[in-house]
C-alpha atoms as a PDB file:
ATOM      1  CA  MET A   1     -28.711  53.314 -18.865  1.00  0.00           C
ATOM      2  CA  GLY A   2     -29.955  50.304 -18.437  1.00  0.00           C
ATOM      3  CA  ASP A   3     -33.631  51.646 -17.368  1.00  0.00           C
ATOM      4  CA  VAL A   4     -36.145  52.177 -19.774  1.00  0.00           C
ATOM      5  CA  LEU A   5     -39.246  54.679 -19.428  1.00  0.00           C
ATOM      6  CA  VAL A   6     -42.548  53.114 -19.333  1.00  0.00           C
ATOM      7  CA  LEU A   7     -45.374  55.432 -21.012  1.00  0.00           C
ATOM      8  CA  ASN A   8     -48.902  54.326 -20.865  1.00  0.00           C
ATOM      9  CA  ALA A   9     -50.903  54.136 -23.728  1.00  0.00           C
ATOM     10  CA  SER A  10     -51.890  58.237 -22.767  1.00  0.00           C
ATOM     11  CA  TYR A  11     -48.400  59.188 -23.448  1.00  0.00           C
ATOM     12  CA  GLU A  12     -48.454  59.884 -19.678  1.00  0.00           C
ATOM     13  CA  PRO A  13     -45.304  58.296 -17.909  1.00  0.00           C
ATOM     14  CA  LEU A  14     -46.226  55.259 -15.707  1.00  0.00           C
ATOM     15  CA  GLN A  15     -42.547  54.083 -14.807  1.00  0.00           C
ATOM     16  CA  ARG A  16     -39.166  53.182 -15.383  1.00  0.00           C
ATOM     17  CA  VAL A  17     -38.213  49.192 -15.591  1.00  0.00           C
ATOM     18  CA  SER A  18     -35.433  47.277 -16.137  1.00  0.00           C
ATOM     19  CA  LEU A  19     -34.538  46.285 -19.465  1.00  0.00           C
ATOM     20  CA  ARG A  20     -34.745  42.853 -19.546  1.00  0.00           C
ATOM     21  CA  HIS A  21     -38.815  43.832 -17.761  1.00  0.00           C
ATOM     22  CA  ALA A  22     -39.139  45.614 -21.079  1.00  0.00           C
ATOM     23  CA  ILE A  23     -37.782  42.722 -23.865  1.00  0.00           C
ATOM     24  CA  LYS A  24     -40.080  40.657 -21.967  1.00  0.00           C
ATOM     25  CA  MET A  25     -42.961  43.613 -22.176  1.00  0.00           C
ATOM     26  CA  LEU A  26     -42.342  43.500 -25.964  1.00  0.00           C
ATOM     27  CA  VAL A  27     -42.305  39.571 -26.360  1.00  0.00           C
ATOM     28  CA  ARG A  28     -45.860  39.498 -24.471  1.00  0.00           C
ATOM     29  CA  GLU A  29     -46.649  42.469 -27.168  1.00  0.00           C
ATOM     30  CA  VAL A  30     -47.755  44.401 -24.154  1.00  0.00           C
ATOM     31  CA  ALA A  31     -45.888  47.349 -25.300  1.00  0.00           C
ATOM     32  CA  VAL A  32     -44.444  48.951 -28.784  1.00  0.00           C
ATOM     33  CA  ILE A  33     -41.227  50.804 -28.711  1.00  0.00           C
ATOM     34  CA  GLU A  34     -41.379  54.979 -28.913  1.00  0.00           C
ATOM     35  CA  GLU A  35     -37.820  55.531 -28.593  1.00  0.00           C
ATOM     36  CA  ALA A  36     -34.881  52.871 -29.250  1.00  0.00           C
ATOM     37  CA  ASP A  37     -31.072  53.436 -29.474  1.00  0.00           C
ATOM     38  CA  ASP A  38     -29.276  51.928 -32.275  1.00  0.00           C
ATOM     39  CA  ASP A  39     -28.061  49.268 -30.668  1.00  0.00           C
ATOM     40  CA  SER A  40     -29.797  45.580 -31.332  1.00  0.00           C
ATOM     41  CA  PHE A  41     -30.560  43.503 -28.710  1.00  0.00           C
ATOM     42  CA  GLY A  42     -31.607  39.974 -30.278  1.00  0.00           C
ATOM     43  CA  PRO A  43     -34.707  40.630 -33.045  1.00  0.00           C
ATOM     44  CA  PHE A  44     -35.583  44.164 -31.200  1.00  0.00           C
ATOM     45  CA  PRO A  45     -33.806  47.223 -30.578  1.00  0.00           C
ATOM     46  CA  ARG A  46     -32.465  48.621 -27.938  1.00  0.00           C
ATOM     47  CA  PRO A  47     -35.468  50.297 -26.243  1.00  0.00           C
ATOM     48  CA  ARG A  48     -35.143  53.846 -24.206  1.00  0.00           C
ATOM     49  CA  VAL A  49     -38.758  54.582 -23.588  1.00  0.00           C
ATOM     50  CA  LEU A  50     -42.157  51.610 -23.821  1.00  0.00           C
ATOM     51  CA  ARG A  51     -46.013  52.779 -24.516  1.00  0.00           C
ATOM     52  CA  LEU A  52     -48.078  49.981 -23.454  1.00  0.00           C
ATOM     53  CA  VAL A  53     -50.543  49.208 -25.869  1.00  0.00           C
ATOM     54  CA  ARG A  54     -53.731  49.281 -23.732  1.00  0.00           C
ATOM     55  CA  TYR A  55     -54.633  52.221 -21.209  1.00  0.00           C
ATOM     56  CA  VAL A  56     -53.530  51.235 -17.989  1.00  0.00           C
ATOM     57  CA  VAL A  57     -55.598  53.478 -14.502  1.00  0.00           C
ATOM     58  CA  ALA A  58     -53.025  54.449 -12.361  1.00  0.00           C
ATOM     59  CA  LYS A  59     -55.051  55.799  -9.311  1.00  0.00           C
ATOM     60  CA  TRP A  60     -52.233  55.425  -7.253  1.00  0.00           C
ATOM     61  CA  LEU A  61     -50.175  57.953  -9.132  1.00  0.00           C
ATOM     62  CA  HIS A  62     -52.936  60.581  -9.559  1.00  0.00           C
ATOM     63  CA  ARG A  63     -53.527  60.719  -5.918  1.00  0.00           C
ATOM     64  CA  PRO A  64     -54.282  64.217  -4.955  1.00  0.00           C
ATOM     65  CA  GLY A  65     -52.132  63.667  -1.756  1.00  0.00           C
ATOM     66  CA  ARG A  66     -50.349  61.314   0.706  1.00  0.00           C
ATOM     67  CA  LEU A  67     -52.726  60.905   3.480  1.00  0.00           C
ATOM     68  CA  CYS A  68     -51.301  62.455   6.151  1.00  0.00           C
ATOM     69  CA  THR A  69     -51.375  59.995   9.530  1.00  0.00           C
ATOM     70  CA  LYS A  70     -49.425  59.015  12.582  1.00  0.00           C
ATOM     71  CA  SER A  71     -47.678  55.373  11.047  1.00  0.00           C
ATOM     72  CA  ALA A  72     -47.322  57.774   7.825  1.00  0.00           C
ATOM     73  CA  ILE A  73     -45.591  60.348   9.266  1.00  0.00           C
ATOM     74  CA  LYS A  74     -43.365  57.630  11.182  1.00  0.00           C
ATOM     75  CA  ALA A  75     -42.399  56.068   7.653  1.00  0.00           C
ATOM     76  CA  ARG A  76     -41.568  59.322   6.624  1.00  0.00           C
ATOM     77  CA  ASP A  77     -39.333  59.841   9.383  1.00  0.00           C
ATOM     78  CA  GLN A  78     -37.996  56.698   8.990  1.00  0.00           C
ATOM     79  CA  GLN A  79     -39.561  55.718  12.701  1.00  0.00           C
ATOM     80  CA  ARG A  80     -36.219  58.144  13.988  1.00  0.00           C
ATOM     81  CA  CYS A  81     -37.078  61.180  16.369  1.00  0.00           C
ATOM     82  CA  GLY A  82     -37.077  65.013  14.710  1.00  0.00           C
ATOM     83  CA  TYR A  83     -35.398  65.443  18.501  1.00  0.00           C
ATOM     84  CA  CYS A  84     -32.818  63.408  19.144  1.00  0.00           C
ATOM     85  CA  GLY A  85     -32.883  60.698  16.356  1.00  0.00           C
ATOM     86  CA  SER A  86     -33.717  57.613  19.104  1.00  0.00           C
ATOM     87  CA  ARG A  87     -36.360  55.392  18.037  1.00  0.00           C
ATOM     88  CA  ALA A  88     -39.408  56.936  18.080  1.00  0.00           C
ATOM     89  CA  GLU A  89     -42.318  55.345  18.865  1.00  0.00           C
ATOM     90  CA  THR A  90     -45.077  58.565  18.804  1.00  0.00           C
ATOM     91  CA  VAL A  91     -45.571  61.940  16.854  1.00  0.00           C
ATOM     92  CA  ASP A  92     -45.199  65.009  17.976  1.00  0.00           C
ATOM     93  CA  HIS A  93     -47.140  68.496  17.112  1.00  0.00           C
ATOM     94  CA  ILE A  94     -44.698  71.243  15.921  1.00  0.00           C
ATOM     95  CA  LEU A  95     -47.760  73.287  16.991  1.00  0.00           C
ATOM     96  CA  PRO A  96     -49.442  71.472  19.626  1.00  0.00           C
ATOM     97  CA  ARG A  97     -52.812  70.984  18.551  1.00  0.00           C
ATOM     98  CA  SER A  98     -53.861  72.971  22.551  1.00  0.00           C
ATOM     99  CA  ARG A  99     -52.901  75.928  20.378  1.00  0.00           C
ATOM    100  CA  GLY A 100     -54.649  74.613  17.318  1.00  0.00           C
ATOM    101  CA  GLY A 101     -52.519  72.503  15.340  1.00  0.00           C
ATOM    102  CA  ALA A 102     -53.559  70.267  13.277  1.00  0.00           C
ATOM    103  CA  LEU A 103     -52.192  66.331  12.049  1.00  0.00           C
ATOM    104  CA  THR A 104     -50.393  68.251   8.639  1.00  0.00           C
ATOM    105  CA  TRP A 105     -47.420  66.617   7.288  1.00  0.00           C
ATOM    106  CA  GLU A 106     -45.988  70.134   8.065  1.00  0.00           C
ATOM    107  CA  ASN A 107     -47.087  70.282  11.278  1.00  0.00           C
ATOM    108  CA  ALA A 108     -45.688  67.243  12.741  1.00  0.00           C
ATOM    109  CA  VAL A 109     -42.639  64.640  13.268  1.00  0.00           C
ATOM    110  CA  ALA A 110     -41.793  61.230  14.990  1.00  0.00           C
ATOM    111  CA  ALA A 111     -40.929  61.691  18.283  1.00  0.00           C
ATOM    112  CA  CYS A 112     -39.885  59.591  21.180  1.00  0.00           C
ATOM    113  CA  LEU A 113     -41.667  59.479  24.294  1.00  0.00           C
ATOM    114  CA  ARG A 114     -39.094  61.359  26.619  1.00  0.00           C
ATOM    115  CA  CYS A 115     -38.966  64.445  23.869  1.00  0.00           C
ATOM    116  CA  ASN A 116     -42.328  64.316  23.163  1.00  0.00           C
ATOM    117  CA  HIS A 117     -42.977  64.813  27.185  1.00  0.00           C
ATOM    118  CA  ARG A 118     -40.237  67.212  27.418  1.00  0.00           C
ATOM    119  CA  LYS A 119     -41.761  69.494  24.906  1.00  0.00           C
ATOM    120  CA  ALA A 120     -45.397  69.126  26.246  1.00  0.00           C
ATOM    121  CA  ASP A 121     -47.540  71.891  24.955  1.00  0.00           C
ATOM    122  CA  ARG A 122     -45.061  74.147  23.958  1.00  0.00           C
ATOM    123  CA  THR A 123     -43.336  74.809  20.247  1.00  0.00           C
ATOM    124  CA  PRO A 124     -40.518  73.166  19.733  1.00  0.00           C
ATOM    125  CA  GLU A 125     -38.430  77.103  20.071  1.00  0.00           C
ATOM    126  CA  GLU A 126     -40.200  77.279  23.884  1.00  0.00           C
ATOM    127  CA  ALA A 127     -39.503  74.392  24.759  1.00  0.00           C
ATOM    128  CA  GLY A 128     -35.553  75.070  24.509  1.00  0.00           C
ATOM    129  CA  MET A 129     -35.715  72.456  21.560  1.00  0.00           C
ATOM    130  CA  VAL A 130     -34.268  72.365  17.741  1.00  0.00           C
ATOM    131  CA  LEU A 131     -35.742  70.032  14.744  1.00  0.00           C
ATOM    132  CA  LEU A 132     -33.283  67.541  12.898  1.00  0.00           C
ATOM    133  CA  ILE A 133     -35.701  67.572   9.924  1.00  0.00           C
ATOM    134  CA  VAL A 134     -37.630  69.661   8.096  1.00  0.00           C
ATOM    135  CA  PRO A 135     -41.195  68.466   8.013  1.00  0.00           C
ATOM    136  CA  ARG A 136     -42.760  68.657   4.922  1.00  0.00           C
ATOM    137  CA  GLU A 137     -44.683  66.390   1.893  1.00  0.00           C
ATOM    138  CA  PRO A 138     -43.042  63.399   1.262  1.00  0.00           C
ATOM    139  CA  LEU A 139     -42.750  63.044  -2.826  1.00  0.00           C
ATOM    140  CA  ARG A 140     -44.692  60.350  -4.516  1.00  0.00           C
ATOM    141  CA  HIS A 141     -42.390  57.282  -4.823  1.00  0.00           C
ATOM    142  CA  SER A 142     -43.015  57.766  -8.551  1.00  0.00           C
ATOM    143  CA  ASN A 143     -42.298  60.661  -9.656  1.00  0.00           C
ATOM    144  CA  ALA A 144     -39.025  60.733  -7.525  1.00  0.00           C
ATOM    145  CA  ALA A 145     -38.786  57.318  -9.799  1.00  0.00           C
ATOM    146  CA  LEU A 146     -39.564  58.961 -13.199  1.00  0.00           C
ATOM    147  CA  SER A 147     -37.286  62.398 -12.429  1.00  0.00           C
ATOM    148  CA  SER A 148     -33.940  60.147 -11.026  1.00  0.00           C
ATOM    149  CA  SER A 149     -32.510  59.314 -14.949  1.00  0.00           C
ATOM    150  CA  ALA A 150     -34.928  60.920 -18.297  1.00  0.00           C
END
């Protein structure tokens, strides 16, 4: 229960911060307490939810979706091959580009060179290979952080 939820001035959730950071925001008067526990923390009640005094534009939070690039695919898969789990050097299209497959979150996985060449222009089923992961668009960091302990 150490985290404090920070709301924008328009009451949209922005992020979670530590209790120490929340107290600093109150001292600097950039936020006000919206919800607090009964415990007091110095001159302030122990905050659970803060609201910013001024509106903050958070473009990073409202993007329609993350851009799907080869480096983003490798980061999503933690630089590991989706077929064998070794270090990934490239990206493989599950439905090959030669068959109309596009670079999308659901159609690409990180792959090592060996697995990428073995699969070639076939689907994993045709090549007799099994995917270790289910490729999907990654969750936005902010949403995962907000739902972790609300």
